PDB file of N, CA and C in Angstrom:
ATOM      1  N   MET A   1     -12.944 -10.365 -30.721  1.00  0.00           N
ATOM      2  CA  MET A   1     -13.378  -9.202 -30.164  1.00  0.00           C
ATOM      3  C   MET A   1     -12.430  -8.120 -29.969  1.00  0.00           C
ATOM      4  N   THR A   2     -12.699  -7.079 -30.417  1.00  0.00           N
ATOM      5  CA  THR A   2     -11.500  -6.083 -30.755  1.00  0.00           C
ATOM      6  C   THR A   2     -11.414  -5.629 -29.451  1.00  0.00           C
ATOM      7  N   PRO A   3      -9.978  -5.160 -29.487  1.00  0.00           N
ATOM      8  CA  PRO A   3      -9.554  -4.379 -27.872  1.00  0.00           C
ATOM      9  C   PRO A   3     -10.468  -3.517 -27.154  1.00  0.00           C
ATOM     10  N   GLU A   4     -11.237  -2.554 -28.245  1.00  0.00           N
ATOM     11  CA  GLU A   4     -11.910  -1.780 -27.653  1.00  0.00           C
ATOM     12  C   GLU A   4     -13.308  -2.337 -27.221  1.00  0.00           C
ATOM     13  N   LEU A   5     -13.846  -3.188 -27.744  1.00  0.00           N
ATOM     14  CA  LEU A   5     -14.806  -4.104 -27.387  1.00  0.00           C
ATOM     15  C   LEU A   5     -14.565  -4.736 -26.062  1.00  0.00           C
ATOM     16  N   GLN A   6     -13.483  -5.389 -26.162  1.00  0.00           N
ATOM     17  CA  GLN A   6     -13.224  -6.009 -24.599  1.00  0.00           C
ATOM     18  C   GLN A   6     -12.959  -5.299 -23.621  1.00  0.00           C
ATOM     19  N   MET A   7     -12.721  -3.931 -23.676  1.00  0.00           N
ATOM     20  CA  MET A   7     -12.564  -3.080 -22.677  1.00  0.00           C
ATOM     21  C   MET A   7     -13.912  -2.722 -22.279  1.00  0.00           C
ATOM     22  N   TRP A   8     -14.924  -2.599 -23.099  1.00  0.00           N
ATOM     23  CA  TRP A   8     -16.116  -1.863 -22.741  1.00  0.00           C
ATOM     24  C   TRP A   8     -16.823  -3.110 -22.119  1.00  0.00           C
ATOM     25  N   HIS A   9     -16.845  -4.403 -22.511  1.00  0.00           N
ATOM     26  CA  HIS A   9     -17.220  -5.561 -21.947  1.00  0.00           C
ATOM     27  C   HIS A   9     -16.633  -5.611 -20.570  1.00  0.00           C
ATOM     28  N   ASP A  10     -15.427  -5.547 -20.468  1.00  0.00           N
ATOM     29  CA  ASP A  10     -14.705  -5.694 -18.836  1.00  0.00           C
ATOM     30  C   ASP A  10     -15.584  -4.814 -18.031  1.00  0.00           C
ATOM     31  N   LEU A  11     -15.764  -3.500 -18.413  1.00  0.00           N
ATOM     32  CA  LEU A  11     -16.020  -2.579 -17.468  1.00  0.00           C
ATOM     33  C   LEU A  11     -17.609  -2.730 -17.111  1.00  0.00           C
ATOM     34  N   LEU A  12     -18.166  -3.115 -18.277  1.00  0.00           N
ATOM     35  CA  LEU A  12     -19.662  -3.843 -17.974  1.00  0.00           C
ATOM     36  C   LEU A  12     -19.866  -4.826 -16.616  1.00  0.00           C
ATOM     37  N   VAL A  13     -18.967  -5.486 -17.062  1.00  0.00           N
ATOM     38  CA  VAL A  13     -18.642  -6.751 -16.404  1.00  0.00           C
ATOM     39  C   VAL A  13     -18.499  -6.073 -14.792  1.00  0.00           C
ATOM     40  N   ALA A  14     -17.505  -5.583 -14.616  1.00  0.00           N
ATOM     41  CA  ALA A  14     -16.852  -4.579 -13.444  1.00  0.00           C
ATOM     42  C   ALA A  14     -18.139  -3.781 -12.786  1.00  0.00           C
ATOM     43  N   LEU A  15     -19.007  -3.354 -13.681  1.00  0.00           N
ATOM     44  CA  LEU A  15     -20.207  -2.636 -13.037  1.00  0.00           C
ATOM     45  C   LEU A  15     -21.117  -3.492 -12.644  1.00  0.00           C
ATOM     46  N   ALA A  16     -21.318  -4.662 -13.139  1.00  0.00           N
ATOM     47  CA  ALA A  16     -22.388  -5.623 -12.852  1.00  0.00           C
ATOM     48  C   ALA A  16     -22.428  -6.049 -11.498  1.00  0.00           C
ATOM     49  N   LEU A  17     -20.911  -6.459 -11.420  1.00  0.00           N
ATOM     50  CA  LEU A  17     -20.327  -7.181 -10.041  1.00  0.00           C
ATOM     51  C   LEU A  17     -20.168  -6.055  -9.132  1.00  0.00           C
ATOM     52  N   LEU A  18     -20.147  -4.722  -9.053  1.00  0.00           N
ATOM     53  CA  LEU A  18     -20.140  -3.686  -8.369  1.00  0.00           C
ATOM     54  C   LEU A  18     -22.042  -3.644  -7.807  1.00  0.00           C
ATOM     55  N   LEU A  19     -22.600  -3.665  -8.772  1.00  0.00           N
ATOM     56  CA  LEU A  19     -24.488  -3.519  -8.274  1.00  0.00           C
ATOM     57  C   LEU A  19     -24.570  -5.016  -7.808  1.00  0.00           C
ATOM     58  N   VAL A  20     -24.006  -5.816  -7.764  1.00  0.00           N
ATOM     59  CA  VAL A  20     -24.641  -7.191  -6.929  1.00  0.00           C
ATOM     60  C   VAL A  20     -23.906  -7.011  -5.857  1.00  0.00           C
ATOM     61  N   ILE A  21     -22.804  -6.443  -5.242  1.00  0.00           N
ATOM     62  CA  ILE A  21     -22.034  -6.629  -4.364  1.00  0.00           C
ATOM     63  C   ILE A  21     -22.955  -5.704  -3.625  1.00  0.00           C
ATOM     64  N   GLU A  22     -23.146  -4.662  -3.940  1.00  0.00           N
ATOM     65  CA  GLU A  22     -23.179  -3.290  -3.374  1.00  0.00           C
ATOM     66  C   GLU A  22     -25.095  -3.410  -2.827  1.00  0.00           C
ATOM     67  N   GLY A  23     -25.726  -4.506  -3.372  1.00  0.00           N
ATOM     68  CA  GLY A  23     -26.936  -4.615  -3.250  1.00  0.00           C
ATOM     69  C   GLY A  23     -27.106  -6.218  -2.141  1.00  0.00           C
ATOM     70  N   ILE A  24     -26.285  -6.486  -1.770  1.00  0.00           N
ATOM     71  CA  ILE A  24     -25.984  -7.583  -0.819  1.00  0.00           C
ATOM     72  C   ILE A  24     -26.459  -7.202   0.380  1.00  0.00           C
ATOM     73  N   TRP A  25     -25.822  -6.135   1.134  1.00  0.00           N
ATOM     74  CA  TRP A  25     -26.128  -5.814   2.220  1.00  0.00           C
ATOM     75  C   TRP A  25     -27.181  -5.311   2.938  1.00  0.00           C
ATOM     76  N   PRO A  26     -27.742  -4.310   1.593  1.00  0.00           N
ATOM     77  CA  PRO A  26     -29.286  -3.909   1.979  1.00  0.00           C
ATOM     78  C   PRO A  26     -30.325  -5.089   1.933  1.00  0.00           C
ATOM     79  N   PHE A  27     -30.125  -5.824   1.078  1.00  0.00           N
ATOM     80  CA  PHE A  27     -30.949  -7.343   0.955  1.00  0.00           C
ATOM     81  C   PHE A  27     -30.803  -7.946   2.409  1.00  0.00           C
ATOM     82  N   LEU A  28     -29.704  -8.391   2.693  1.00  0.00           N
ATOM     83  CA  LEU A  28     -29.393  -9.282   4.226  1.00  0.00           C
ATOM     84  C   LEU A  28     -29.909  -8.450   5.224  1.00  0.00           C
ATOM     85  N   SER A  29     -29.625  -7.116   5.192  1.00  0.00           N
ATOM     86  CA  SER A  29     -29.513  -6.584   6.884  1.00  0.00           C
ATOM     87  C   SER A  29     -30.177  -5.328   6.487  1.00  0.00           C
ATOM     88  N   PRO A  30     -31.586  -4.658   6.040  1.00  0.00           N
ATOM     89  CA  PRO A  30     -31.653  -3.249   5.938  1.00  0.00           C
ATOM     90  C   PRO A  30     -31.546  -2.549   6.958  1.00  0.00           C
ATOM     91  N   SER A  31     -31.781  -3.241   8.269  1.00  0.00           N
ATOM     92  CA  SER A  31     -31.634  -2.380   9.653  1.00  0.00           C
ATOM     93  C   SER A  31     -30.327  -1.948   9.642  1.00  0.00           C
ATOM     94  N   GLY A  32     -29.295  -3.256   9.407  1.00  0.00           N
ATOM     95  CA  GLY A  32     -27.840  -2.991   9.541  1.00  0.00           C
ATOM     96  C   GLY A  32     -27.183  -2.126   8.755  1.00  0.00           C
ATOM     97  N   LEU A  33     -27.623  -2.004   7.366  1.00  0.00           N
ATOM     98  CA  LEU A  33     -27.358  -0.677   6.591  1.00  0.00           C
ATOM     99  C   LEU A  33     -27.514   0.653   7.062  1.00  0.00           C
ATOM    100  N   ARG A  34     -29.409   0.815   7.546  1.00  0.00           N
ATOM    101  CA  ARG A  34     -29.249   2.021   8.011  1.00  0.00           C
ATOM    102  C   ARG A  34     -28.719   2.583   9.251  1.00  0.00           C
ATOM    103  N   ARG A  35     -28.087   1.536  10.382  1.00  0.00           N
ATOM    104  CA  ARG A  35     -27.099   2.004  11.559  1.00  0.00           C
ATOM    105  C   ARG A  35     -25.792   2.568  11.008  1.00  0.00           C
ATOM    106  N   ALA A  36     -25.504   1.598   9.934  1.00  0.00           N
ATOM    107  CA  ALA A  36     -23.948   1.667   9.207  1.00  0.00           C
ATOM    108  C   ALA A  36     -24.260   3.415   8.828  1.00  0.00           C
ATOM    109  N   GLN A  37     -25.161   3.610   8.035  1.00  0.00           N
ATOM    110  CA  GLN A  37     -25.523   4.932   7.248  1.00  0.00           C
ATOM    111  C   GLN A  37     -25.586   6.024   8.403  1.00  0.00           C
ATOM    112  N   LEU A  38     -26.129   5.841   9.478  1.00  0.00           N
ATOM    113  CA  LEU A  38     -26.033   6.726  10.528  1.00  0.00           C
ATOM    114  C   LEU A  38     -24.783   7.074  10.947  1.00  0.00           C
ATOM    115  N   ALA A  39     -24.327   6.054  11.602  1.00  0.00           N
ATOM    116  CA  ALA A  39     -22.676   6.054  12.118  1.00  0.00           C
ATOM    117  C   ALA A  39     -21.974   6.785  11.101  1.00  0.00           C
ATOM    118  N   MET A  40     -21.999   6.353   9.766  1.00  0.00           N
ATOM    119  CA  MET A  40     -21.325   7.162   9.020  1.00  0.00           C
ATOM    120  C   MET A  40     -21.377   8.652   8.563  1.00  0.00           C
ATOM    121  N   ALA A  41     -22.865   8.849   8.680  1.00  0.00           N
ATOM    122  CA  ALA A  41     -23.454  10.389   8.677  1.00  0.00           C
ATOM    123  C   ALA A  41     -22.791  11.233   9.919  1.00  0.00           C
ATOM    124  N   ALA A  42     -22.611  10.464  10.996  1.00  0.00           N
ATOM    125  CA  ALA A  42     -21.833  11.236  12.088  1.00  0.00           C
ATOM    126  C   ALA A  42     -20.567  11.336  12.246  1.00  0.00           C
ATOM    127  N   GLN A  43     -20.059  10.555  11.152  1.00  0.00           N
ATOM    128  CA  GLN A  43     -18.247  10.845  10.947  1.00  0.00           C
ATOM    129  C   GLN A  43     -18.111  12.234  10.579  1.00  0.00           C
ATOM    130  N   ASP A  44     -16.346  13.064  10.757  1.00  0.00           N
ATOM    131  CA  ASP A  44     -16.358  14.230  10.109  1.00  0.00           C
ATOM    132  C   ASP A  44     -15.771  13.559   8.821  1.00  0.00           C
ATOM    133  N   ASP A  45     -15.883  14.605   8.060  1.00  0.00           N
ATOM    134  CA  ASP A  45     -15.525  14.485   6.592  1.00  0.00           C
ATOM    135  C   ASP A  45     -14.112  13.990   6.541  1.00  0.00           C
ATOM    136  N   SER A  46     -12.902  14.284   7.386  1.00  0.00           N
ATOM    137  CA  SER A  46     -11.776  13.890   7.347  1.00  0.00           C
ATOM    138  C   SER A  46     -11.555  12.287   7.535  1.00  0.00           C
ATOM    139  N   ALA A  47     -12.189  11.875   8.400  1.00  0.00           N
ATOM    140  CA  ALA A  47     -12.612  10.340   8.524  1.00  0.00           C
ATOM    141  C   ALA A  47     -13.237   9.664   7.535  1.00  0.00           C
ATOM    142  N   LEU A  48     -14.073  10.392   6.581  1.00  0.00           N
ATOM    143  CA  LEU A  48     -14.666   9.765   5.732  1.00  0.00           C
ATOM    144  C   LEU A  48     -13.623   9.922   4.311  1.00  0.00           C
ATOM    145  N   ARG A  49     -13.020  10.980   4.253  1.00  0.00           N
ATOM    146  CA  ARG A  49     -11.822  10.636   3.304  1.00  0.00           C
ATOM    147  C   ARG A  49     -10.909   9.788   3.449  1.00  0.00           C
ATOM    148  N   VAL A  50     -10.555   9.727   4.645  1.00  0.00           N
ATOM    149  CA  VAL A  50      -9.111   8.364   4.896  1.00  0.00           C
ATOM    150  C   VAL A  50      -9.979   7.132   4.420  1.00  0.00           C
ATOM    151  N   ALA A  51     -10.930   6.887   4.683  1.00  0.00           N
ATOM    152  CA  ALA A  51     -11.869   5.654   4.780  1.00  0.00           C
ATOM    153  C   ALA A  51     -11.817   5.546   3.198  1.00  0.00           C
ATOM    154  N   GLY A  52     -12.285   6.310   2.664  1.00  0.00           N
ATOM    155  CA  GLY A  52     -12.107   6.618   0.995  1.00  0.00           C
ATOM    156  C   GLY A  52     -10.979   6.437   0.218  1.00  0.00           C
ATOM    157  N   LEU A  53      -9.926   6.626   0.893  1.00  0.00           N
ATOM    158  CA  LEU A  53      -8.509   6.460   0.392  1.00  0.00           C
ATOM    159  C   LEU A  53      -8.118   5.138   0.533  1.00  0.00           C
ATOM    160  N   VAL A  54      -8.442   4.726   1.740  1.00  0.00           N
ATOM    161  CA  VAL A  54      -7.975   3.297   2.056  1.00  0.00           C
ATOM    162  C   VAL A  54      -8.716   2.472   1.106  1.00  0.00           C
ATOM    163  N   SER A  55     -10.064   2.633   0.873  1.00  0.00           N
ATOM    164  CA  SER A  55     -10.722   1.718  -0.059  1.00  0.00           C
ATOM    165  C   SER A  55     -10.489   1.599  -1.317  1.00  0.00           C
ATOM    166  N   MET A  56      -9.929   3.106  -1.870  1.00  0.00           N
ATOM    167  CA  MET A  56      -9.233   3.271  -3.376  1.00  0.00           C
ATOM    168  C   MET A  56      -8.108   2.300  -3.433  1.00  0.00           C
ATOM    169  N   ALA A  57      -7.067   2.665  -2.536  1.00  0.00           N
ATOM    170  CA  ALA A  57      -5.701   1.982  -2.630  1.00  0.00           C
ATOM    171  C   ALA A  57      -5.935   0.503  -2.452  1.00  0.00           C
ATOM    172  N   ALA A  58      -6.949   0.109  -1.397  1.00  0.00           N
ATOM    173  CA  ALA A  58      -6.867  -1.410  -1.551  1.00  0.00           C
ATOM    174  C   ALA A  58      -7.474  -1.762  -2.811  1.00  0.00           C
ATOM    175  N   GLY A  59      -8.222  -0.960  -3.409  1.00  0.00           N
ATOM    176  CA  GLY A  59      -8.763  -1.508  -4.882  1.00  0.00           C
ATOM    177  C   GLY A  59      -7.783  -1.597  -5.707  1.00  0.00           C
ATOM    178  N   VAL A  60      -6.989  -0.712  -5.805  1.00  0.00           N
ATOM    179  CA  VAL A  60      -5.712  -0.666  -6.810  1.00  0.00           C
ATOM    180  C   VAL A  60      -4.851  -1.748  -6.558  1.00  0.00           C
ATOM    181  N   ALA A  61      -4.561  -1.615  -5.498  1.00  0.00           N
ATOM    182  CA  ALA A  61      -3.445  -3.142  -4.903  1.00  0.00           C
ATOM    183  C   ALA A  61      -4.336  -4.508  -5.380  1.00  0.00           C
ATOM    184  N   LEU A  62      -5.301  -4.544  -5.420  1.00  0.00           N
ATOM    185  CA  LEU A  62      -5.974  -6.165  -5.396  1.00  0.00           C
ATOM    186  C   LEU A  62      -6.109  -5.902  -6.930  1.00  0.00           C
ATOM    187  N   LEU A  63      -6.203  -5.105  -7.816  1.00  0.00           N
ATOM    188  CA  LEU A  63      -6.169  -4.739  -9.166  1.00  0.00           C
ATOM    189  C   LEU A  63      -4.958  -5.173  -9.720  1.00  0.00           C
ATOM    190  N   TYR A  64      -3.591  -4.489  -9.170  1.00  0.00           N
ATOM    191  CA  TYR A  64      -2.626  -5.102  -9.308  1.00  0.00           C
ATOM    192  C   TYR A  64      -2.327  -6.565  -8.874  1.00  0.00           C
ATOM    193  N   LEU A  65      -2.524  -6.804  -8.297  1.00  0.00           N
ATOM    194  CA  LEU A  65      -2.199  -8.261  -7.725  1.00  0.00           C
ATOM    195  C   LEU A  65      -2.963  -9.148  -8.765  1.00  0.00           C
ATOM    196  N   VAL A  66      -4.131  -9.197  -9.339  1.00  0.00           N
ATOM    197  CA  VAL A  66      -4.963  -9.681 -10.067  1.00  0.00           C
ATOM    198  C   VAL A  66      -4.630  -9.769 -11.736  1.00  0.00           C
ATOM    199  N   LYS A  67      -3.967  -8.539 -11.888  1.00  0.00           N
ATOM    200  CA  LYS A  67      -3.339  -8.277 -13.401  1.00  0.00           C
ATOM    201  C   LYS A  67      -2.009  -8.743 -13.282  1.00  0.00           C
TER     202      LYS A  67
END
């Protein structure tokens, strides 16, 4: 497999895993997801931005450790 095809394959695998992981919570606890979304909607923009930044940093760190 060429490096370009390998990159697309890896990207699609990552997207598939993202969809599986994202679907676990609504499948197991739809009411819990609704409560969490309501709580998140009540947060101010800066709190959501900080949570997003922490999540991205954790993802980058995990990728660094895995690679």
